[in-house]
N, C-alpha and C. Protein backbone atom coordinates (compact mmCIF):
# COMPACT_ATOMS: atom_id res chain seq x y z
N MET A 1 -9.51 -19.39 -15.06
CA MET A 1 -9.81 -18.24 -14.96
C MET A 1 -10.48 -17.88 -15.90
N ASN A 2 -11.46 -17.11 -15.82
CA ASN A 2 -12.01 -16.89 -17.53
C ASN A 2 -12.02 -15.78 -18.32
N PRO A 3 -12.41 -15.02 -19.44
CA PRO A 3 -11.53 -14.38 -19.92
C PRO A 3 -11.59 -12.94 -19.43
N TYR A 4 -12.86 -12.36 -18.73
CA TYR A 4 -12.52 -11.43 -17.93
C TYR A 4 -11.62 -11.55 -16.84
N GLU A 5 -11.43 -12.07 -16.20
CA GLU A 5 -10.00 -12.68 -14.77
C GLU A 5 -8.94 -12.00 -15.90
N ALA A 6 -8.74 -12.95 -16.77
CA ALA A 6 -7.49 -13.07 -17.71
C ALA A 6 -6.93 -11.57 -18.13
N TYR A 7 -8.46 -10.85 -18.66
CA TYR A 7 -7.74 -9.07 -19.18
C TYR A 7 -7.87 -8.79 -18.64
N MET A 8 -8.49 -8.40 -16.66
CA MET A 8 -8.14 -7.43 -15.89
C MET A 8 -6.83 -7.74 -15.13
N LYS A 9 -6.25 -9.05 -15.56
CA LYS A 9 -5.07 -9.29 -14.82
C LYS A 9 -4.16 -8.38 -15.51
N GLU A 10 -3.95 -8.89 -17.15
CA GLU A 10 -2.94 -7.95 -17.71
C GLU A 10 -3.28 -6.49 -18.12
N VAL A 11 -4.38 -6.31 -17.75
CA VAL A 11 -4.64 -4.58 -17.59
C VAL A 11 -3.81 -4.36 -16.44
N ALA A 12 -3.79 -4.77 -14.99
CA ALA A 12 -3.61 -4.53 -13.89
C ALA A 12 -2.36 -4.58 -13.85
N GLN A 13 -1.45 -5.79 -14.57
CA GLN A 13 -0.28 -5.65 -14.33
C GLN A 13 1.31 -4.51 -14.36
N PRO A 14 0.56 -3.90 -15.03
CA PRO A 14 1.72 -2.60 -14.89
C PRO A 14 1.54 -1.58 -13.76
N MET A 15 0.62 -1.58 -13.67
CA MET A 15 -0.22 -0.79 -11.85
C MET A 15 0.58 -1.75 -11.00
N ARG A 16 0.44 -2.68 -11.16
CA ARG A 16 1.32 -3.77 -9.98
C ARG A 16 2.77 -3.31 -9.88
N ASP A 17 3.14 -3.48 -11.37
CA ASP A 17 4.53 -3.08 -11.35
C ASP A 17 5.36 -1.94 -10.67
N GLU A 18 4.04 -1.23 -11.04
CA GLU A 18 4.66 0.72 -10.63
C GLU A 18 5.56 0.36 -9.03
N LEU A 19 4.56 -0.39 -8.22
CA LEU A 19 5.18 -0.72 -6.91
C LEU A 19 5.90 -1.78 -6.92
N THR A 20 5.56 -3.22 -7.14
CA THR A 20 6.90 -4.23 -7.13
C THR A 20 8.26 -3.87 -7.70
N GLN A 21 8.06 -3.11 -8.94
CA GLN A 21 9.46 -3.33 -9.44
C GLN A 21 10.67 -1.77 -8.64
N ARG A 22 9.37 -1.36 -7.37
CA ARG A 22 10.70 -0.18 -6.10
C ARG A 22 10.30 -0.90 -5.19
N SER A 23 9.99 -2.18 -5.14
CA SER A 23 10.91 -2.57 -3.76
C SER A 23 9.46 -2.97 -2.51
N PHE A 24 8.39 -2.45 -3.38
CA PHE A 24 7.14 -3.31 -2.91
C PHE A 24 6.75 -4.21 -2.99
N GLU A 25 6.67 -5.27 -1.74
CA GLU A 25 6.63 -7.19 -1.80
C GLU A 25 5.24 -7.15 -2.17
N ASP A 26 5.00 -8.27 -3.22
CA ASP A 26 3.50 -8.22 -3.48
C ASP A 26 3.10 -9.85 -3.02
N LEU A 27 1.95 -8.86 -2.37
CA LEU A 27 0.69 -10.25 -1.60
C LEU A 27 -0.11 -10.06 -1.84
N THR A 28 -0.01 -11.72 -2.79
CA THR A 28 -1.25 -12.17 -3.55
C THR A 28 -2.71 -13.04 -3.08
N THR A 29 -2.04 -13.79 -1.38
CA THR A 29 -2.85 -14.46 -1.15
C THR A 29 -2.48 -13.41 0.69
N ALA A 30 -4.12 -14.47 1.07
CA ALA A 30 -4.31 -14.38 2.45
C ALA A 30 -3.04 -14.53 3.41
N GLY A 31 -2.20 -15.77 2.65
CA GLY A 31 -1.06 -16.61 3.67
C GLY A 31 0.13 -15.85 3.46
N ASP A 32 0.39 -14.62 2.06
CA ASP A 32 1.19 -13.88 1.95
C ASP A 32 1.03 -12.66 3.20
N VAL A 33 -0.32 -12.18 3.15
CA VAL A 33 -0.51 -11.10 4.18
C VAL A 33 0.72 -11.59 5.87
N ASP A 34 -0.49 -12.72 6.44
CA ASP A 34 -0.17 -13.04 7.42
C ASP A 34 0.88 -13.53 7.48
N GLN A 35 1.46 -14.21 6.44
CA GLN A 35 3.33 -13.91 7.08
C GLN A 35 4.48 -12.80 6.59
N PHE A 36 3.69 -11.95 6.31
CA PHE A 36 4.30 -10.34 6.67
C PHE A 36 3.66 -9.89 7.63
N MET A 37 2.90 -9.85 7.52
CA MET A 37 3.05 -9.06 9.00
C MET A 37 2.86 -9.80 10.51
N SER A 38 3.12 -11.18 10.24
CA SER A 38 3.85 -11.79 11.84
C SER A 38 5.13 -11.88 11.54
N GLY A 39 5.66 -11.72 10.06
CA GLY A 39 7.59 -11.45 10.52
C GLY A 39 7.83 -9.98 10.87
N LEU A 40 7.05 -9.44 10.90
CA LEU A 40 7.28 -7.61 11.35
C LEU A 40 7.91 -7.50 13.18
N GLY A 41 8.76 -7.59 13.44
CA GLY A 41 9.84 -7.10 15.18
C GLY A 41 8.52 -5.89 15.55
N LYS A 42 8.71 -5.83 16.86
CA LYS A 42 8.14 -5.10 17.44
C LYS A 42 8.53 -3.82 17.04
N GLU A 43 9.27 -3.24 16.94
CA GLU A 43 10.18 -1.71 16.49
C GLU A 43 9.83 -1.78 15.07
N GLU A 44 9.79 -2.90 14.25
CA GLU A 44 9.87 -2.71 12.80
C GLU A 44 8.54 -1.73 12.04
N THR A 45 8.92 -1.20 11.06
CA THR A 45 7.86 -0.49 10.43
C THR A 45 7.60 -1.10 9.03
N ALA A 46 6.26 -0.98 8.22
CA ALA A 46 6.11 -1.44 7.28
C ALA A 46 4.99 -0.80 6.90
N PHE A 47 5.43 0.10 5.05
CA PHE A 47 4.06 0.72 4.92
C PHE A 47 3.42 -0.27 3.70
N VAL A 48 2.11 -0.26 3.37
CA VAL A 48 1.49 -0.88 2.89
C VAL A 48 0.51 -0.01 2.18
N VAL A 49 0.70 -0.08 0.51
CA VAL A 49 0.14 0.51 -0.35
C VAL A 49 -1.34 -0.48 -0.89
N ILE A 50 -2.24 -0.64 -0.67
CA ILE A 50 -3.50 -1.01 -0.88
C ILE A 50 -4.05 -0.37 -2.76
N ASN A 51 -3.59 -0.92 -3.43
CA ASN A 51 -3.48 -0.47 -4.46
C ASN A 51 -4.88 -0.80 -5.39
N SER A 52 -4.74 0.04 -6.66
CA SER A 52 -6.57 0.13 -7.53
C SER A 52 -6.15 0.10 -8.71
N VAL A 53 -6.78 -0.23 -9.62
CA VAL A 53 -6.69 0.36 -11.05
C VAL A 53 -7.50 1.69 -11.60
N CYS A 54 -7.38 2.36 -10.24
CA CYS A 54 -8.51 3.84 -10.64
C CYS A 54 -7.71 5.14 -10.86
N GLY A 55 -8.19 6.08 -11.32
CA GLY A 55 -7.13 6.85 -11.69
C GLY A 55 -6.57 7.80 -10.63
N CYS A 56 -7.22 8.03 -9.01
CA CYS A 56 -6.71 8.47 -8.00
C CYS A 56 -5.05 7.50 -7.68
N ALA A 57 -5.08 6.38 -7.97
CA ALA A 57 -4.06 5.35 -7.59
C ALA A 57 -2.75 5.84 -8.46
N ALA A 58 -3.65 5.81 -10.26
CA ALA A 58 -2.53 5.98 -11.02
C ALA A 58 -1.64 7.22 -11.02
N GLY A 59 -3.01 8.54 -10.91
CA GLY A 59 -2.03 9.64 -10.68
C GLY A 59 -1.82 10.57 -9.45
N LEU A 60 -2.50 9.67 -8.60
CA LEU A 60 -1.42 10.04 -6.87
C LEU A 60 -1.08 9.10 -6.12
N ALA A 61 -1.87 8.30 -5.61
CA ALA A 61 -1.01 7.49 -4.70
C ALA A 61 -0.04 6.48 -5.44
N ARG A 62 -0.38 5.90 -5.99
CA ARG A 62 1.62 4.96 -5.98
C ARG A 62 2.92 5.85 -6.65
N PRO A 63 2.10 6.96 -7.53
CA PRO A 63 3.37 8.11 -7.71
C PRO A 63 3.98 8.96 -6.30
N ALA A 64 2.78 9.13 -5.48
CA ALA A 64 3.19 9.61 -3.98
C ALA A 64 3.94 8.61 -2.82
N ALA A 65 3.63 7.38 -3.12
CA ALA A 65 3.68 6.45 -2.60
C ALA A 65 5.37 6.08 -2.58
N VAL A 66 5.43 5.82 -4.58
CA VAL A 66 7.20 5.62 -4.72
C VAL A 66 7.97 6.67 -4.26
N THR A 67 7.49 8.04 -4.65
CA THR A 67 8.39 9.05 -4.41
C THR A 67 9.18 9.15 -3.02
N VAL A 68 8.09 9.05 -1.71
CA VAL A 68 8.80 9.44 -0.70
C VAL A 68 8.99 8.31 -0.12
N ALA A 69 8.83 6.50 -0.32
CA ALA A 69 9.64 5.64 0.13
C ALA A 69 10.78 5.34 -0.84
N GLU A 70 11.23 6.42 -1.72
CA GLU A 70 12.70 6.23 -2.11
C GLU A 70 13.48 7.33 -1.94
N GLN A 71 12.75 8.60 -1.94
CA GLN A 71 13.65 9.77 -0.88
C GLN A 71 13.69 10.04 -0.17
N ASN A 72 12.74 10.09 0.79
CA ASN A 72 12.56 10.39 2.20
C ASN A 72 13.64 9.65 2.83
N PRO A 73 14.53 10.29 3.72
CA PRO A 73 15.90 9.68 4.41
C PRO A 73 15.51 8.96 5.59
N ILE A 74 13.99 8.76 6.17
CA ILE A 74 13.71 8.32 7.21
C ILE A 74 12.02 7.17 6.34
N ARG A 75 12.87 6.01 6.31
CA ARG A 75 11.58 5.00 5.48
C ARG A 75 11.44 4.08 6.27
N PRO A 76 10.63 3.38 5.81
CA PRO A 76 10.14 2.35 6.44
C PRO A 76 11.35 0.81 6.26
N ASP A 77 10.89 -0.57 7.48
CA ASP A 77 11.80 -1.33 6.97
C ASP A 77 11.32 -2.20 5.83
N LYS A 78 10.13 -1.89 5.88
CA LYS A 78 9.82 -2.74 5.07
C LYS A 78 8.43 -2.02 3.86
N ARG A 79 8.45 -2.99 2.99
CA ARG A 79 7.04 -2.10 2.04
C ARG A 79 6.16 -3.10 1.34
N ALA A 80 5.51 -3.16 1.42
CA ALA A 80 4.53 -4.08 0.46
C ALA A 80 2.83 -3.39 0.08
N THR A 81 2.22 -4.17 -0.76
CA THR A 81 1.13 -3.90 -1.68
C THR A 81 0.41 -5.06 -1.96
N VAL A 82 -1.00 -4.98 -1.87
CA VAL A 82 -2.27 -5.61 -2.18
C VAL A 82 -2.85 -5.23 -2.74
N PHE A 83 -3.36 -5.64 -4.32
CA PHE A 83 -4.38 -5.26 -4.87
C PHE A 83 -5.68 -5.60 -4.84
N ALA A 84 -6.45 -4.54 -4.65
CA ALA A 84 -7.90 -4.43 -4.60
C ALA A 84 -8.91 -4.98 -5.96
N GLY A 85 -9.20 -5.79 -5.63
CA GLY A 85 -10.34 -6.05 -7.04
C GLY A 85 -9.83 -7.28 -7.97
N GLN A 86 -8.00 -7.40 -7.41
CA GLN A 86 -7.77 -8.48 -8.25
C GLN A 86 -7.05 -9.90 -7.30
N ASP A 87 -6.41 -9.35 -6.26
CA ASP A 87 -6.01 -10.41 -4.91
C ASP A 87 -7.04 -10.03 -3.74
N LYS A 88 -8.30 -10.69 -4.09
CA LYS A 88 -9.15 -10.36 -3.19
C LYS A 88 -9.35 -10.53 -1.99
N GLU A 89 -8.70 -12.06 -1.79
CA GLU A 89 -8.06 -12.48 -0.28
C GLU A 89 -7.21 -11.69 0.22
N ALA A 90 -6.12 -11.66 -0.56
CA ALA A 90 -4.84 -10.91 0.16
C ALA A 90 -5.50 -9.31 0.80
N THR A 91 -5.97 -8.77 -0.22
CA THR A 91 -6.83 -7.25 0.45
C THR A 91 -7.92 -7.35 1.29
N GLU A 92 -8.49 -8.38 1.30
CA GLU A 92 -9.33 -8.31 2.66
C GLU A 92 -8.66 -9.31 4.44
N ARG A 93 -7.78 -9.85 3.65
CA ARG A 93 -7.32 -10.11 4.77
C ARG A 93 -6.11 -9.09 5.45
N MET A 94 -5.70 -8.05 4.68
CA MET A 94 -4.72 -6.86 4.98
C MET A 94 -5.48 -5.63 5.29
N ARG A 95 -6.84 -5.77 4.97
CA ARG A 95 -7.95 -4.70 5.48
C ARG A 95 -8.44 -5.00 6.97
N GLU A 96 -8.53 -6.56 7.04
CA GLU A 96 -8.69 -6.67 8.89
C GLU A 96 -7.39 -6.26 9.67
N TYR A 97 -6.29 -6.03 9.01
CA TYR A 97 -5.17 -5.83 9.87
C TYR A 97 -5.41 -3.96 10.10
N VAL A 98 -5.64 -3.58 9.25
CA VAL A 98 -5.68 -2.48 9.23
C VAL A 98 -6.84 -2.10 10.36
N GLY A 99 -7.97 -2.14 9.96
CA GLY A 99 -8.95 -2.37 10.58
C GLY A 99 -9.90 -0.71 10.65
N GLN A 100 -9.60 -0.70 9.26
CA GLN A 100 -10.17 0.87 8.76
C GLN A 100 -11.51 0.45 7.83
N ALA A 101 -12.81 1.10 7.71
CA ALA A 101 -13.05 0.75 6.62
C ALA A 101 -12.69 0.95 5.03
N PRO A 102 -12.68 -0.44 4.25
CA PRO A 102 -12.34 -0.66 3.46
C PRO A 102 -12.35 0.66 2.37
N SER A 103 -11.18 0.81 1.83
CA SER A 103 -10.48 1.74 1.08
C SER A 103 -9.22 1.86 -0.04
N SER A 104 -9.85 2.27 -1.28
CA SER A 104 -8.83 2.05 -1.95
C SER A 104 -8.96 2.86 -3.69
N PRO A 105 -7.81 3.20 -3.77
CA PRO A 105 -6.40 2.87 -3.12
C PRO A 105 -6.34 3.69 -1.03
N SER A 106 -5.61 3.09 -0.66
CA SER A 106 -5.00 3.78 0.52
C SER A 106 -3.64 3.00 0.87
N MET A 107 -3.26 3.96 1.92
CA MET A 107 -2.22 3.02 2.91
C MET A 107 -1.97 3.14 4.00
N ALA A 108 -1.36 2.55 4.65
CA ALA A 108 -1.53 2.24 6.00
C ALA A 108 0.33 1.90 6.47
N LEU A 109 0.49 2.77 7.09
CA LEU A 109 2.14 2.86 8.34
C LEU A 109 1.32 1.61 9.82
N PHE A 110 2.30 0.95 9.06
CA PHE A 110 2.67 -0.18 10.83
C PHE A 110 4.11 0.04 11.31
N LYS A 111 3.42 -0.30 12.81
CA LYS A 111 4.68 -0.35 13.59
C LYS A 111 4.29 -1.66 14.33
N GLY A 112 5.69 -2.79 14.25
CA GLY A 112 5.18 -4.16 14.90
C GLY A 112 3.59 -4.35 14.00
N ASP A 113 3.07 -4.71 14.82
CA ASP A 113 1.27 -5.15 14.08
C ASP A 113 0.48 -3.94 14.62
N ALA A 114 0.31 -2.81 14.94
CA ALA A 114 0.01 -1.77 15.43
C ALA A 114 0.44 -0.81 14.16
N LEU A 115 -1.23 -0.46 13.40
CA LEU A 115 -1.54 0.58 12.75
C LEU A 115 -1.64 1.98 13.27
N VAL A 116 -0.21 2.47 12.84
CA VAL A 116 0.35 4.03 13.53
C VAL A 116 -0.31 5.02 12.25
N HIS A 117 -0.50 5.18 11.36
CA HIS A 117 -0.92 6.00 10.35
C HIS A 117 -1.28 5.18 9.04
N PHE A 118 -2.97 5.84 8.50
CA PHE A 118 -3.96 5.44 7.57
C PHE A 118 -4.04 6.78 6.61
N ILE A 119 -3.83 6.11 5.08
CA ILE A 119 -4.52 7.79 4.41
C ILE A 119 -5.19 6.94 3.40
N PRO A 120 -6.55 6.95 3.79
CA PRO A 120 -8.22 6.85 2.73
C PRO A 120 -8.02 7.12 1.61
N ARG A 121 -8.99 6.73 0.56
CA ARG A 121 -9.54 6.88 -0.82
C ARG A 121 -9.75 8.77 -0.49
N GLU A 122 -10.68 8.85 0.53
CA GLU A 122 -10.62 10.10 0.76
C GLU A 122 -9.72 11.10 1.13
N HIS A 123 -8.42 11.00 1.30
CA HIS A 123 -7.70 12.07 1.16
C HIS A 123 -6.28 11.85 0.17
N ILE A 124 -7.09 11.14 -0.76
CA ILE A 124 -5.99 11.20 -1.87
C ILE A 124 -7.15 11.83 -3.13
N GLU A 125 -7.86 11.01 -3.46
CA GLU A 125 -8.31 11.52 -4.40
C GLU A 125 -9.07 13.29 -4.51
N GLY A 126 -8.42 13.87 -5.32
CA GLY A 126 -8.81 15.29 -5.41
C GLY A 126 -7.78 15.62 -4.98
N ARG A 127 -6.92 15.65 -4.62
CA ARG A 127 -5.36 16.43 -3.72
C ARG A 127 -4.62 16.06 -4.65
N ASP A 128 -3.84 17.27 -4.38
CA ASP A 128 -2.22 17.82 -4.80
C ASP A 128 -1.77 16.88 -4.58
N ILE A 129 -0.61 16.03 -5.36
CA ILE A 129 0.38 14.77 -4.84
C ILE A 129 1.25 15.37 -3.84
N ASN A 130 1.84 17.01 -3.95
CA ASN A 130 2.82 17.17 -2.91
C ASN A 130 1.78 17.21 -1.50
N ASP A 131 0.33 16.94 -1.83
CA ASP A 131 0.26 17.58 -0.04
C ASP A 131 0.42 15.72 0.16
N ILE A 132 -0.14 15.19 -0.39
CA ILE A 132 0.02 13.16 -0.30
C ILE A 132 1.25 12.68 0.00
N MET A 133 2.00 13.54 -0.53
CA MET A 133 3.55 13.22 -0.49
C MET A 133 4.09 13.45 0.88
N MET A 134 3.57 15.12 1.40
CA MET A 134 3.83 15.57 2.79
C MET A 134 3.56 14.37 3.86
N ASP A 135 2.35 13.87 3.57
CA ASP A 135 1.24 13.29 4.72
C ASP A 135 2.46 12.05 4.31
N ILE A 136 2.42 11.19 3.68
CA ILE A 136 3.31 10.26 4.07
C ILE A 136 4.49 10.30 4.62
N LYS A 137 5.07 11.30 3.86
CA LYS A 137 6.30 11.71 5.08
C LYS A 137 6.36 11.97 6.45
N GLU A 138 5.44 13.13 6.73
CA GLU A 138 5.42 12.99 7.76
C GLU A 138 4.92 11.59 9.04
N ALA A 139 4.03 10.96 8.50
CA ALA A 139 3.91 9.89 8.68
C ALA A 139 5.45 9.22 9.14
N PHE A 140 6.52 8.66 8.10
CA PHE A 140 7.63 8.34 8.13
C PHE A 140 8.87 8.98 9.15
N ASP A 141 8.25 10.17 9.11
CA ASP A 141 9.27 10.97 10.17
C ASP A 141 9.14 10.87 11.55
N ALA A 142 7.85 10.82 11.80
CA ALA A 142 6.89 10.39 13.21
C ALA A 142 7.25 9.05 13.51
N HIS A 143 7.21 8.05 12.83
CA HIS A 143 6.92 6.86 13.26
C HIS A 143 8.02 5.43 12.95
N CYS A 144 8.77 6.04 11.98
CA CYS A 144 10.03 5.13 11.29
C CYS A 144 11.13 5.61 11.76
N ALA A 145 11.73 6.83 12.83
CA ALA A 145 12.75 6.94 12.98
C ALA A 145 13.52 6.18 14.06
């Protein structure tokens, strides 16, 4: 690992921890992503956060994702995260499952292997955190019941 990569890994660790210490499974390789996705039952739901070091991830995406995933009475069966710019293979593989234009941060809700809700960066950046949390809550309520 070169010095830049080592520095970025160190800088990004607290941002990764913000999700992984709150029951989000850290998917760091393409194999991890494939195993996670193939392990979903047909009716199981999974909430995936594509994490990022940007300000809208820090101030909006991660706090909204964690709050709703912990406090909403209706929750997905599983939670996971990939880190854009850090775990490149894992992020690329997850984006294949998502099937949307690359966007980080972003959030995806799956039922089985089907994407049922997606929140791209443009629906995060510049919005009120309460509106983002309502988007997540409404998706959970609609698809995770």
